[in-house]
Every structure is written in structure tokens, then in C-alpha cells.
Amino acid sequence: MKFINGKCKILHMGGNNSMYKYMLGSAQLEISSAEKDLGILLHIKLNITQQNAIASRKANSLLGCMKSLAIGS
């Protein structure tokens, strides 16, 4: 399987991160400040508590939609 450089990004996490520049072959990989993986937003400025709060709000919103659909049927 070939890697596509345009889809590969680096997300530096942590306060003591040395912010290395990574290469894939001869191309430098792009640095990103936020990425979404498996429906969870990862951002360099968010801590795990904030990320959990965002995921919890999204889950509660979906539950509310499901309840309203069940009541309406």
C-alpha cells in the first residue's frame, strides 16, 4: 500500500513536545493543529477533560434525537 503525502499530517501533542519535522521519503509532512479521528476532535490546545466534554455533549445530543424519534412513532 502506498502512502499519500497529502493525507499524512503531524499533530504535536504535549507541553514538552520538541516539534520535530517529519519526512516521508523526500517530502516534509504537514503539521496540523487539529484532527478528527473516529469522531473525536483532537486539538493541541484541548486537554483530555475538554475532549471528553465535547464527546459527551455529542452523545447526549444523539440520544435526544433518538428519544424524540421513538416518542414520535
PDB file of N, CA and C in Angstrom:
ATOM      1  N   MET A   1       0.844  -1.167   0.000  1.00  0.00           N
ATOM      2  CA  MET A   1       0.000   0.000   0.000  1.00  0.00           C
ATOM      3  C   MET A   1       0.899   1.243   0.000  1.00  0.00           C
ATOM      4  N   LYS A   2       0.581   2.204  -0.837  1.00  0.00           N
ATOM      5  CA  LYS A   2       1.365   3.434  -0.908  1.00  0.00           C
ATOM      6  C   LYS A   2       0.792   4.486   0.039  1.00  0.00           C
ATOM      7  N   PHE A   3       1.677   5.238   0.652  1.00  0.00           N
ATOM      8  CA  PHE A   3       1.260   6.378   1.458  1.00  0.00           C
ATOM      9  C   PHE A   3       1.029   7.565   0.542  1.00  0.00           C
ATOM     10  N   ILE A   4       0.002   8.331   0.847  1.00  0.00           N
ATOM     11  CA  ILE A   4      -0.272   9.554   0.102  1.00  0.00           C
ATOM     12  C   ILE A   4       0.139  10.715   1.000  1.00  0.00           C
ATOM     13  N   ASN A   5       1.179  11.438   0.596  1.00  0.00           N
ATOM     14  CA  ASN A   5       1.727  12.510   1.427  1.00  0.00           C
ATOM     15  C   ASN A   5       0.678  13.544   1.819  1.00  0.00           C
ATOM     16  N   GLY A   6      -0.257  13.855   0.940  1.00  0.00           N
ATOM     17  CA  GLY A   6      -1.269  14.862   1.223  1.00  0.00           C
ATOM     18  C   GLY A   6      -2.217  14.469   2.334  1.00  0.00           C
ATOM     19  N   LYS A   7      -2.336  13.170   2.615  1.00  0.00           N
ATOM     20  CA  LYS A   7      -3.238  12.699   3.669  1.00  0.00           C
ATOM     21  C   LYS A   7      -2.518  12.461   4.991  1.00  0.00           C
ATOM     22  N   CYS A   8      -1.219  12.548   4.999  1.00  0.00           N
ATOM     23  CA  CYS A   8      -0.432  12.329   6.213  1.00  0.00           C
ATOM     24  C   CYS A   8      -0.139  13.673   6.869  1.00  0.00           C
ATOM     25  N   LYS A   9      -0.514  13.821   8.134  1.00  0.00           N
ATOM     26  CA  LYS A   9      -0.267  15.056   8.871  1.00  0.00           C
ATOM     27  C   LYS A   9       0.288  14.727  10.241  1.00  0.00           C
ATOM     28  N   ILE A  10       0.988  15.675  10.817  1.00  0.00           N
ATOM     29  CA  ILE A  10       1.576  15.526  12.139  1.00  0.00           C
ATOM     30  C   ILE A  10       0.791  16.394  13.109  1.00  0.00           C
ATOM     31  N   LEU A  11       0.415  15.826  14.262  1.00  0.00           N
ATOM     32  CA  LEU A  11      -0.273  16.559  15.314  1.00  0.00           C
ATOM     33  C   LEU A  11       0.604  16.479  16.554  1.00  0.00           C
ATOM     34  N   HIS A  12       1.266  17.587  16.891  1.00  0.00           N
ATOM     35  CA  HIS A  12       2.164  17.625  18.052  1.00  0.00           C
ATOM     36  C   HIS A  12       1.331  17.808  19.313  1.00  0.00           C
ATOM     37  N   MET A  13       1.422  16.864  20.238  1.00  0.00           N
ATOM     38  CA  MET A  13       0.664  16.909  21.485  1.00  0.00           C
ATOM     39  C   MET A  13       1.638  16.998  22.659  1.00  0.00           C
ATOM     40  N   GLY A  14       1.223  17.656  23.719  1.00  0.00           N
ATOM     41  CA  GLY A  14       2.013  17.712  24.939  1.00  0.00           C
ATOM     42  C   GLY A  14       2.836  18.982  25.051  1.00  0.00           C
ATOM     43  N   GLY A  15       3.055  19.410  26.286  1.00  0.00           N
ATOM     44  CA  GLY A  15       3.787  20.646  26.537  1.00  0.00           C
ATOM     45  C   GLY A  15       5.285  20.537  26.297  1.00  0.00           C
ATOM     46  N   ASN A  16       5.840  19.340  26.440  1.00  0.00           N
ATOM     47  CA  ASN A  16       7.283  19.161  26.277  1.00  0.00           C
ATOM     48  C   ASN A  16       7.645  18.624  24.900  1.00  0.00           C
ATOM     49  N   ASN A  17       6.741  18.760  23.945  1.00  0.00           N
ATOM     50  CA  ASN A  17       6.983  18.231  22.610  1.00  0.00           C
ATOM     51  C   ASN A  17       8.043  19.076  21.913  1.00  0.00           C
ATOM     52  N   SER A  18       9.016  18.420  21.282  1.00  0.00           N
ATOM     53  CA  SER A  18      10.112  19.132  20.639  1.00  0.00           C
ATOM     54  C   SER A  18       9.781  19.584  19.224  1.00  0.00           C
ATOM     55  N   MET A  19       8.559  19.306  18.734  1.00  0.00           N
ATOM     56  CA  MET A  19       8.072  19.795  17.439  1.00  0.00           C
ATOM     57  C   MET A  19       8.994  19.402  16.272  1.00  0.00           C
ATOM     58  N   TYR A  20       9.387  18.141  16.233  1.00  0.00           N
ATOM     59  CA  TYR A  20      10.222  17.661  15.136  1.00  0.00           C
ATOM     60  C   TYR A  20       9.501  17.801  13.802  1.00  0.00           C
ATOM     61  N   LYS A  21      10.253  17.943  12.758  1.00  0.00           N
ATOM     62  CA  LYS A  21       9.709  17.951  11.398  1.00  0.00           C
ATOM     63  C   LYS A  21       9.954  16.557  10.822  1.00  0.00           C
ATOM     64  N   TYR A  22       8.890  15.910  10.398  1.00  0.00           N
ATOM     65  CA  TYR A  22       8.974  14.541   9.913  1.00  0.00           C
ATOM     66  C   TYR A  22       8.936  14.511   8.395  1.00  0.00           C
ATOM     67  N   MET A  23       9.632  13.532   7.835  1.00  0.00           N
ATOM     68  CA  MET A  23       9.723  13.374   6.390  1.00  0.00           C
ATOM     69  C   MET A  23       9.144  12.022   5.990  1.00  0.00           C
ATOM     70  N   LEU A  24       8.504  11.990   4.840  1.00  0.00           N
ATOM     71  CA  LEU A  24       8.053  10.745   4.230  1.00  0.00           C
ATOM     72  C   LEU A  24       8.723  10.710   2.868  1.00  0.00           C
ATOM     73  N   GLY A  25       9.780   9.917   2.780  1.00  0.00           N
ATOM     74  CA  GLY A  25      10.613   9.962   1.578  1.00  0.00           C
ATOM     75  C   GLY A  25      11.368  11.277   1.576  1.00  0.00           C
ATOM     76  N   SER A  26      11.212  12.046   0.508  1.00  0.00           N
ATOM     77  CA  SER A  26      11.891  13.344   0.428  1.00  0.00           C
ATOM     78  C   SER A  26      10.954  14.503   0.741  1.00  0.00           C
ATOM     79  N   ALA A  27       9.676  14.222   1.049  1.00  0.00           N
ATOM     80  CA  ALA A  27       8.694  15.278   1.303  1.00  0.00           C
ATOM     81  C   ALA A  27       8.477  15.456   2.804  1.00  0.00           C
ATOM     82  N   GLN A  28       8.432  16.719   3.244  1.00  0.00           N
ATOM     83  CA  GLN A  28       8.151  17.024   4.643  1.00  0.00           C
ATOM     84  C   GLN A  28       6.650  16.936   4.871  1.00  0.00           C
ATOM     85  N   LEU A  29       6.264  16.275   5.972  1.00  0.00           N
ATOM     86  CA  LEU A  29       4.845  16.125   6.290  1.00  0.00           C
ATOM     87  C   LEU A  29       4.285  17.413   6.879  1.00  0.00           C
ATOM     88  N   GLU A  30       3.025  17.700   6.557  1.00  0.00           N
ATOM     89  CA  GLU A  30       2.347  18.904   7.014  1.00  0.00           C
ATOM     90  C   GLU A  30       2.028  18.801   8.502  1.00  0.00           C
ATOM     91  N   ILE A  31       2.141  19.920   9.212  1.00  0.00           N
ATOM     92  CA  ILE A  31       1.808  19.973  10.634  1.00  0.00           C
ATOM     93  C   ILE A  31       0.387  20.500  10.768  1.00  0.00           C
ATOM     94  N   SER A  32      -0.399  19.840  11.609  1.00  0.00           N
ATOM     95  CA  SER A  32      -1.791  20.211  11.805  1.00  0.00           C
ATOM     96  C   SER A  32      -2.017  20.569  13.267  1.00  0.00           C
ATOM     97  N   SER A  33      -2.932  21.509  13.538  1.00  0.00           N
ATOM     98  CA  SER A  33      -3.230  21.856  14.928  1.00  0.00           C
ATOM     99  C   SER A  33      -4.461  21.113  15.439  1.00  0.00           C
ATOM    100  N   ALA A  34      -5.259  20.534  14.524  1.00  0.00           N
ATOM    101  CA  ALA A  34      -6.458  19.795  14.930  1.00  0.00           C
ATOM    102  C   ALA A  34      -6.760  18.710  13.911  1.00  0.00           C
ATOM    103  N   GLU A  35      -7.211  17.570  14.400  1.00  0.00           N
ATOM    104  CA  GLU A  35      -7.606  16.457  13.542  1.00  0.00           C
ATOM    105  C   GLU A  35      -8.801  15.770  14.169  1.00  0.00           C
ATOM    106  N   LYS A  36      -9.608  15.147  13.339  1.00  0.00           N
ATOM    107  CA  LYS A  36     -10.751  14.382  13.818  1.00  0.00           C
ATOM    108  C   LYS A  36     -10.495  12.919  13.483  1.00  0.00           C
ATOM    109  N   ASP A  37     -10.534  12.069  14.507  1.00  0.00           N
ATOM    110  CA  ASP A  37     -10.275  10.648  14.327  1.00  0.00           C
ATOM    111  C   ASP A  37     -11.352   9.868  15.053  1.00  0.00           C
ATOM    112  N   LEU A  38     -12.025   8.984  14.357  1.00  0.00           N
ATOM    113  CA  LEU A  38     -13.101   8.172  14.923  1.00  0.00           C
ATOM    114  C   LEU A  38     -14.170   9.036  15.588  1.00  0.00           C
ATOM    115  N   GLY A  39     -14.426  10.204  15.002  1.00  0.00           N
ATOM    116  CA  GLY A  39     -15.466  11.086  15.511  1.00  0.00           C
ATOM    117  C   GLY A  39     -15.047  11.946  16.690  1.00  0.00           C
ATOM    118  N   ILE A  40     -13.801  11.845  17.121  1.00  0.00           N
ATOM    119  CA  ILE A  40     -13.300  12.631  18.249  1.00  0.00           C
ATOM    120  C   ILE A  40     -12.359  13.702  17.712  1.00  0.00           C
ATOM    121  N   LEU A  41     -12.597  14.958  18.133  1.00  0.00           N
ATOM    122  CA  LEU A  41     -11.749  16.063  17.726  1.00  0.00           C
ATOM    123  C   LEU A  41     -10.530  16.108  18.626  1.00  0.00           C
ATOM    124  N   LEU A  42      -9.360  16.044  18.035  1.00  0.00           N
ATOM    125  CA  LEU A  42      -8.101  16.181  18.768  1.00  0.00           C
ATOM    126  C   LEU A  42      -7.495  17.516  18.379  1.00  0.00           C
ATOM    127  N   HIS A  43      -7.219  18.350  19.357  1.00  0.00           N
ATOM    128  CA  HIS A  43      -6.682  19.681  19.118  1.00  0.00           C
ATOM    129  C   HIS A  43      -5.533  19.903  20.086  1.00  0.00           C
ATOM    130  N   ILE A  44      -4.492  20.582  19.646  1.00  0.00           N
ATOM    131  CA  ILE A  44      -3.321  20.754  20.503  1.00  0.00           C
ATOM    132  C   ILE A  44      -3.619  21.598  21.736  1.00  0.00           C
ATOM    133  N   LYS A  45      -4.658  22.429  21.691  1.00  0.00           N
ATOM    134  CA  LYS A  45      -4.992  23.283  22.838  1.00  0.00           C
ATOM    135  C   LYS A  45      -5.988  22.635  23.800  1.00  0.00           C
ATOM    136  N   LEU A  46      -6.632  21.542  23.406  1.00  0.00           N
ATOM    137  CA  LEU A  46      -7.609  20.887  24.280  1.00  0.00           C
ATOM    138  C   LEU A  46      -6.924  19.860  25.170  1.00  0.00           C
ATOM    139  N   ASN A  47      -7.343  19.808  26.428  1.00  0.00           N
ATOM    140  CA  ASN A  47      -6.860  18.722  27.275  1.00  0.00           C
ATOM    141  C   ASN A  47      -7.893  17.593  27.241  1.00  0.00           C
ATOM    142  N   ILE A  48      -7.619  16.491  27.895  1.00  0.00           N
ATOM    143  CA  ILE A  48      -8.482  15.316  27.805  1.00  0.00           C
ATOM    144  C   ILE A  48      -9.861  15.589  28.412  1.00  0.00           C
ATOM    145  N   THR A  49      -9.949  16.432  29.439  1.00  0.00           N
ATOM    146  CA  THR A  49     -11.236  16.758  30.045  1.00  0.00           C
ATOM    147  C   THR A  49     -12.128  17.495  29.058  1.00  0.00           C
ATOM    148  N   GLN A  50     -11.546  18.452  28.331  1.00  0.00           N
ATOM    149  CA  GLN A  50     -12.319  19.195  27.337  1.00  0.00           C
ATOM    150  C   GLN A  50     -12.750  18.283  26.200  1.00  0.00           C
ATOM    151  N   GLN A  51     -11.875  17.373  25.777  1.00  0.00           N
ATOM    152  CA  GLN A  51     -12.224  16.439  24.710  1.00  0.00           C
ATOM    153  C   GLN A  51     -13.355  15.523  25.145  1.00  0.00           C
ATOM    154  N   ASN A  52     -13.324  15.070  26.405  1.00  0.00           N
ATOM    155  CA  ASN A  52     -14.397  14.218  26.927  1.00  0.00           C
ATOM    156  C   ASN A  52     -15.715  14.984  26.991  1.00  0.00           C
ATOM    157  N   ALA A  53     -15.667  16.255  27.356  1.00  0.00           N
ATOM    158  CA  ALA A  53     -16.883  17.067  27.430  1.00  0.00           C
ATOM    159  C   ALA A  53     -17.508  17.226  26.051  1.00  0.00           C
ATOM    160  N   ILE A  54     -16.692  17.441  25.028  1.00  0.00           N
ATOM    161  CA  ILE A  54     -17.198  17.574  23.655  1.00  0.00           C
ATOM    162  C   ILE A  54     -17.850  16.267  23.208  1.00  0.00           C
ATOM    163  N   ALA A  55     -17.177  15.133  23.466  1.00  0.00           N
ATOM    164  CA  ALA A  55     -17.722  13.828  23.079  1.00  0.00           C
ATOM    165  C   ALA A  55     -19.015  13.537  23.833  1.00  0.00           C
ATOM    166  N   SER A  56     -19.083  13.910  25.111  1.00  0.00           N
ATOM    167  CA  SER A  56     -20.276  13.688  25.925  1.00  0.00           C
ATOM    168  C   SER A  56     -21.453  14.512  25.401  1.00  0.00           C
ATOM    169  N   ARG A  57     -21.206  15.775  25.052  1.00  0.00           N
ATOM    170  CA  ARG A  57     -22.277  16.617  24.507  1.00  0.00           C
ATOM    171  C   ARG A  57     -22.816  16.047  23.204  1.00  0.00           C
ATOM    172  N   LYS A  58     -21.918  15.555  22.363  1.00  0.00           N
ATOM    173  CA  LYS A  58     -22.343  14.974  21.088  1.00  0.00           C
ATOM    174  C   LYS A  58     -23.195  13.723  21.330  1.00  0.00           C
ATOM    175  N   ALA A  59     -22.766  12.873  22.266  1.00  0.00           N
ATOM    176  CA  ALA A  59     -23.509  11.649  22.572  1.00  0.00           C
ATOM    177  C   ALA A  59     -24.881  11.980  23.148  1.00  0.00           C
ATOM    178  N   ASN A  60     -24.948  12.953  24.042  1.00  0.00           N
ATOM    179  CA  ASN A  60     -26.235  13.347  24.621  1.00  0.00           C
ATOM    180  C   ASN A  60     -27.163  13.927  23.565  1.00  0.00           C
ATOM    181  N   SER A  61     -26.620  14.653  22.618  1.00  0.00           N
ATOM    182  CA  SER A  61     -27.422  15.204  21.528  1.00  0.00           C
ATOM    183  C   SER A  61     -28.017  14.087  20.677  1.00  0.00           C
ATOM    184  N   LEU A  62     -27.206  13.080  20.380  1.00  0.00           N
ATOM    185  CA  LEU A  62     -27.690  11.941  19.598  1.00  0.00           C
ATOM    186  C   LEU A  62     -28.762  11.165  20.363  1.00  0.00           C
ATOM    187  N   LEU A  63     -28.577  10.992  21.670  1.00  0.00           N
ATOM    188  CA  LEU A  63     -29.591  10.309  22.484  1.00  0.00           C
ATOM    189  C   LEU A  63     -30.904  11.078  22.476  1.00  0.00           C
ATOM    190  N   GLY A  64     -30.827  12.410  22.554  1.00  0.00           N
ATOM    191  CA  GLY A  64     -32.031  13.227  22.493  1.00  0.00           C
ATOM    192  C   GLY A  64     -32.766  13.054  21.173  1.00  0.00           C
ATOM    193  N   CYS A  65     -32.027  12.995  20.069  1.00  0.00           N
ATOM    194  CA  CYS A  65     -32.639  12.776  18.763  1.00  0.00           C
ATOM    195  C   CYS A  65     -33.304  11.405  18.712  1.00  0.00           C
ATOM    196  N   MET A  66     -32.648  10.398  19.255  1.00  0.00           N
ATOM    197  CA  MET A  66     -33.216   9.053  19.243  1.00  0.00           C
ATOM    198  C   MET A  66     -34.492   8.983  20.085  1.00  0.00           C
ATOM    199  N   LYS A  67     -34.504   9.660  21.235  1.00  0.00           N
ATOM    200  CA  LYS A  67     -35.697   9.674  22.089  1.00  0.00           C
ATOM    201  C   LYS A  67     -36.859  10.365  21.391  1.00  0.00           C
ATOM    202  N   SER A  68     -36.571  11.478  20.719  1.00  0.00           N
ATOM    203  CA  SER A  68     -37.651  12.206  20.045  1.00  0.00           C
ATOM    204  C   SER A  68     -38.211  11.383  18.878  1.00  0.00           C
ATOM    205  N   LEU A  69     -37.384  10.608  18.222  1.00  0.00           N
ATOM    206  CA  LEU A  69     -37.865   9.741  17.147  1.00  0.00           C
ATOM    207  C   LEU A  69     -38.715   8.604  17.711  1.00  0.00           C
ATOM    208  N   ALA A  70     -38.319   8.067  18.863  1.00  0.00           N
ATOM    209  CA  ALA A  70     -39.077   6.972  19.474  1.00  0.00           C
ATOM    210  C   ALA A  70     -40.433   7.454  19.978  1.00  0.00           C
ATOM    211  N   ILE A  71     -40.482   8.657  20.504  1.00  0.00           N
ATOM    212  CA  ILE A  71     -41.745   9.217  21.006  1.00  0.00           C
ATOM    213  C   ILE A  71     -42.668   9.552  19.847  1.00  0.00           C
ATOM    214  N   GLY A  72     -42.109  10.048  18.763  1.00  0.00           N
ATOM    215  CA  GLY A  72     -42.919  10.452  17.607  1.00  0.00           C
ATOM    216  C   GLY A  72     -43.494   9.296  16.834  1.00  0.00           C
ATOM    217  N   SER A  73     -42.999   8.064  17.021  1.00  0.00           N
ATOM    218  CA  SER A  73     -43.522   6.948  16.221  1.00  0.00           C
ATOM    219  C   SER A  73     -44.761   6.348  16.784  1.00  0.00           C
TER     220      SER A  73
END
